[in-house]
Amino acid sequence: MAELAARYDVHPNLIANWKKKARQKVLAGFSGKQERDEVSREAEIKELRAKIRRARHRAGFFIQGLRSLSRGRRVAMVDRDHARVSIARQCCLVSIARSSFYYEGKGETR
């Protein structure tokens, strides 16, 4: 390992870790553990996709409720001094353009 480390200019511990991981992968491939891991990974992905669908459904309900409010009420919901949520994100959540949040009407000119 010392020769490899010197040849490729890496630390010997890094090579030892690579070797250990390679052995584990090879053994897992022969024992069928890798297939079981893939099956459990697929189940986990399926569960996460279901959670995303439920969250989108809830968000859709929220957005529909907001759209029924007038634009003025939605603008009033944006908090300029909020510590964690930016104005841009708040505008996105209440379905108004950020530029229109900052716009101030000029009134009539003569």
C-alpha atoms as a PDB file:
ATOM      1  CA  MET A   1       0.000   0.000   0.000  1.00  0.00           C
ATOM      2  CA  ALA A   2       2.845   2.362   0.706  1.00  0.00           C
ATOM      3  CA  GLU A   3       4.069   1.964  -2.874  1.00  0.00           C
ATOM      4  CA  LEU A   4       0.613   2.753  -4.286  1.00  0.00           C
ATOM      5  CA  ALA A   5       0.258   5.716  -1.961  1.00  0.00           C
ATOM      6  CA  ALA A   6       3.608   7.121  -3.081  1.00  0.00           C
ATOM      7  CA  ARG A   7       2.937   6.379  -6.743  1.00  0.00           C
ATOM      8  CA  TYR A   8      -0.466   8.106  -6.857  1.00  0.00           C
ATOM      9  CA  ASP A   9       0.261  10.699  -4.167  1.00  0.00           C
ATOM     10  CA  VAL A  10      -2.581   9.703  -1.812  1.00  0.00           C
ATOM     11  CA  HIS A  11      -2.615   8.778   1.853  1.00  0.00           C
ATOM     12  CA  PRO A  12      -2.279   5.038   2.647  1.00  0.00           C
ATOM     13  CA  ASN A  13      -5.422   5.188   4.828  1.00  0.00           C
ATOM     14  CA  LEU A  14      -7.426   6.286   1.792  1.00  0.00           C
ATOM     15  CA  ILE A  15      -6.249   3.246  -0.158  1.00  0.00           C
ATOM     16  CA  ALA A  16      -7.070   0.999   2.814  1.00  0.00           C
ATOM     17  CA  ASN A  17     -10.610   2.452   2.947  1.00  0.00           C
ATOM     18  CA  TRP A  18     -11.066   1.894  -0.807  1.00  0.00           C
ATOM     19  CA  LYS A  19      -9.881  -1.686  -0.438  1.00  0.00           C
ATOM     20  CA  LYS A  20     -12.261  -2.318   2.464  1.00  0.00           C
ATOM     21  CA  LYS A  21     -15.239  -0.900   0.541  1.00  0.00           C
ATOM     22  CA  ALA A  22     -14.353  -2.908  -2.559  1.00  0.00           C
ATOM     23  CA  ARG A  23     -14.255  -6.133  -0.513  1.00  0.00           C
ATOM     24  CA  GLN A  24     -17.640  -5.369   1.038  1.00  0.00           C
ATOM     25  CA  LYS A  25     -19.182  -4.723  -2.386  1.00  0.00           C
ATOM     26  CA  VAL A  26     -17.756  -7.919  -3.841  1.00  0.00           C
ATOM     27  CA  LEU A  27     -18.975 -10.001  -0.889  1.00  0.00           C
ATOM     28  CA  ALA A  28     -22.387  -8.342  -1.029  1.00  0.00           C
ATOM     29  CA  GLY A  29     -22.612  -9.121  -4.748  1.00  0.00           C
ATOM     30  CA  PHE A  30     -22.017 -12.830  -4.148  1.00  0.00           C
ATOM     31  CA  SER A  31     -24.284 -13.102  -1.117  1.00  0.00           C
ATOM     32  CA  GLY A  32     -27.316 -11.506  -2.784  1.00  0.00           C
ATOM     33  CA  LYS A  33     -27.305  -8.690  -0.242  1.00  0.00           C
ATOM     34  CA  GLN A  34     -26.928  -6.156  -3.014  1.00  0.00           C
ATOM     35  CA  GLU A  35     -30.187  -7.328  -4.611  1.00  0.00           C
ATOM     36  CA  ARG A  36     -31.994  -7.040  -1.286  1.00  0.00           C
ATOM     37  CA  ASP A  37     -30.565  -3.547  -0.851  1.00  0.00           C
ATOM     38  CA  GLU A  38     -31.861  -2.563  -4.286  1.00  0.00           C
ATOM     39  CA  VAL A  39     -35.332  -3.917  -3.447  1.00  0.00           C
ATOM     40  CA  SER A  40     -35.419  -2.001  -0.163  1.00  0.00           C
ATOM     41  CA  ARG A  41     -34.128   1.097  -1.972  1.00  0.00           C
ATOM     42  CA  GLU A  42     -36.961   0.802  -4.529  1.00  0.00           C
ATOM     43  CA  ALA A  43     -39.507   0.509  -1.707  1.00  0.00           C
ATOM     44  CA  GLU A  44     -38.038   3.570  -0.046  1.00  0.00           C
ATOM     45  CA  ILE A  45     -38.199   5.540  -3.305  1.00  0.00           C
ATOM     46  CA  LYS A  46     -41.821   4.507  -3.781  1.00  0.00           C
ATOM     47  CA  GLU A  47     -42.675   5.667  -0.245  1.00  0.00           C
ATOM     48  CA  LEU A  48     -40.899   9.008  -0.739  1.00  0.00           C
ATOM     49  CA  ARG A  49     -42.739   9.625  -4.007  1.00  0.00           C
ATOM     50  CA  ALA A  50     -46.043   8.998  -2.218  1.00  0.00           C
ATOM     51  CA  LYS A  51     -45.061  11.545   0.453  1.00  0.00           C
ATOM     52  CA  ILE A  52     -44.210  14.077  -2.252  1.00  0.00           C
ATOM     53  CA  ARG A  53     -47.611  13.550  -3.900  1.00  0.00           C
ATOM     54  CA  ARG A  54     -49.385  14.088  -0.569  1.00  0.00           C
ATOM     55  CA  ALA A  55     -47.364  17.251   0.120  1.00  0.00           C
ATOM     56  CA  ARG A  56     -48.136  18.614  -3.347  1.00  0.00           C
ATOM     57  CA  HIS A  57     -51.819  17.915  -2.795  1.00  0.00           C
ATOM     58  CA  ARG A  58     -51.762  19.860   0.474  1.00  0.00           C
ATOM     59  CA  ALA A  59     -49.844  22.700  -1.170  1.00  0.00           C
ATOM     60  CA  GLY A  60     -52.391  22.778  -3.995  1.00  0.00           C
ATOM     61  CA  PHE A  61     -55.175  23.166  -1.451  1.00  0.00           C
ATOM     62  CA  PHE A  62     -53.278  26.016   0.202  1.00  0.00           C
ATOM     63  CA  ILE A  63     -52.647  27.760  -3.125  1.00  0.00           C
ATOM     64  CA  GLN A  64     -56.305  27.492  -4.168  1.00  0.00           C
ATOM     65  CA  GLY A  65     -57.334  29.108  -0.892  1.00  0.00           C
ATOM     66  CA  LEU A  66     -54.843  31.927  -1.399  1.00  0.00           C
ATOM     67  CA  ARG A  67     -55.942  32.612  -4.957  1.00  0.00           C
ATOM     68  CA  SER A  68     -59.454  33.236  -3.728  1.00  0.00           C
ATOM     69  CA  LEU A  69     -58.112  36.162  -1.672  1.00  0.00           C
ATOM     70  CA  SER A  70     -57.716  39.584  -3.254  1.00  0.00           C
ATOM     71  CA  ARG A  71     -54.284  40.669  -4.392  1.00  0.00           C
ATOM     72  CA  GLY A  72     -54.202  43.351  -1.710  1.00  0.00           C
ATOM     73  CA  ARG A  73     -54.750  40.804   1.062  1.00  0.00           C
ATOM     74  CA  ARG A  74     -52.041  38.542  -0.386  1.00  0.00           C
ATOM     75  CA  VAL A  75     -49.602  41.476  -0.526  1.00  0.00           C
ATOM     76  CA  ALA A  76     -50.449  42.282   3.096  1.00  0.00           C
ATOM     77  CA  MET A  77     -49.489  38.708   4.053  1.00  0.00           C
ATOM     78  CA  VAL A  78     -45.853  39.269   2.991  1.00  0.00           C
ATOM     79  CA  ASP A  79     -43.693  40.145   5.981  1.00  0.00           C
ATOM     80  CA  ARG A  80     -40.727  42.337   5.006  1.00  0.00           C
ATOM     81  CA  ASP A  81     -38.926  41.641   8.299  1.00  0.00           C
ATOM     82  CA  HIS A  82     -39.297  37.853   8.431  1.00  0.00           C
ATOM     83  CA  ALA A  83     -36.063  36.316   9.691  1.00  0.00           C
ATOM     84  CA  ARG A  84     -36.113  32.984   7.842  1.00  0.00           C
ATOM     85  CA  VAL A  85     -38.275  33.330   4.715  1.00  0.00           C
ATOM     86  CA  SER A  86     -37.144  35.772   2.054  1.00  0.00           C
ATOM     87  CA  ILE A  87     -39.524  38.215   0.410  1.00  0.00           C
ATOM     88  CA  ALA A  88     -39.034  36.437  -2.918  1.00  0.00           C
ATOM     89  CA  ARG A  89     -40.103  33.107  -1.393  1.00  0.00           C
ATOM     90  CA  GLN A  90     -43.070  34.676   0.396  1.00  0.00           C
ATOM     91  CA  CYS A  91     -44.233  36.286  -2.852  1.00  0.00           C
ATOM     92  CA  CYS A  92     -43.948  32.940  -4.594  1.00  0.00           C
ATOM     93  CA  LEU A  93     -45.992  31.258  -1.853  1.00  0.00           C
ATOM     94  CA  VAL A  94     -48.818  33.809  -2.060  1.00  0.00           C
ATOM     95  CA  SER A  95     -48.762  33.785  -5.884  1.00  0.00           C
ATOM     96  CA  ILE A  96     -47.742  37.350  -6.602  1.00  0.00           C
ATOM     97  CA  ALA A  97     -44.799  38.600  -8.651  1.00  0.00           C
ATOM     98  CA  ARG A  98     -42.005  39.977  -6.510  1.00  0.00           C
ATOM     99  CA  SER A  99     -41.656  42.994  -8.777  1.00  0.00           C
ATOM    100  CA  SER A 100     -45.327  43.853  -8.285  1.00  0.00           C
ATOM    101  CA  PHE A 101     -44.803  43.623  -4.513  1.00  0.00           C
ATOM    102  CA  TYR A 102     -42.309  46.481  -4.710  1.00  0.00           C
ATOM    103  CA  TYR A 103     -44.252  48.508  -7.295  1.00  0.00           C
ATOM    104  CA  GLU A 104     -45.798  51.730  -6.075  1.00  0.00           C
ATOM    105  CA  GLY A 105     -48.362  53.403  -8.298  1.00  0.00           C
ATOM    106  CA  LYS A 106     -47.453  56.870  -9.540  1.00  0.00           C
ATOM    107  CA  GLY A 107     -50.933  58.251  -9.685  1.00  0.00           C
ATOM    108  CA  GLU A 108     -52.331  60.535 -12.352  1.00  0.00           C
ATOM    109  CA  THR A 109     -50.226  63.120 -14.128  1.00  0.00           C
ATOM    110  CA  ARG A 110     -51.461  66.335 -15.721  1.00  0.00           C
END
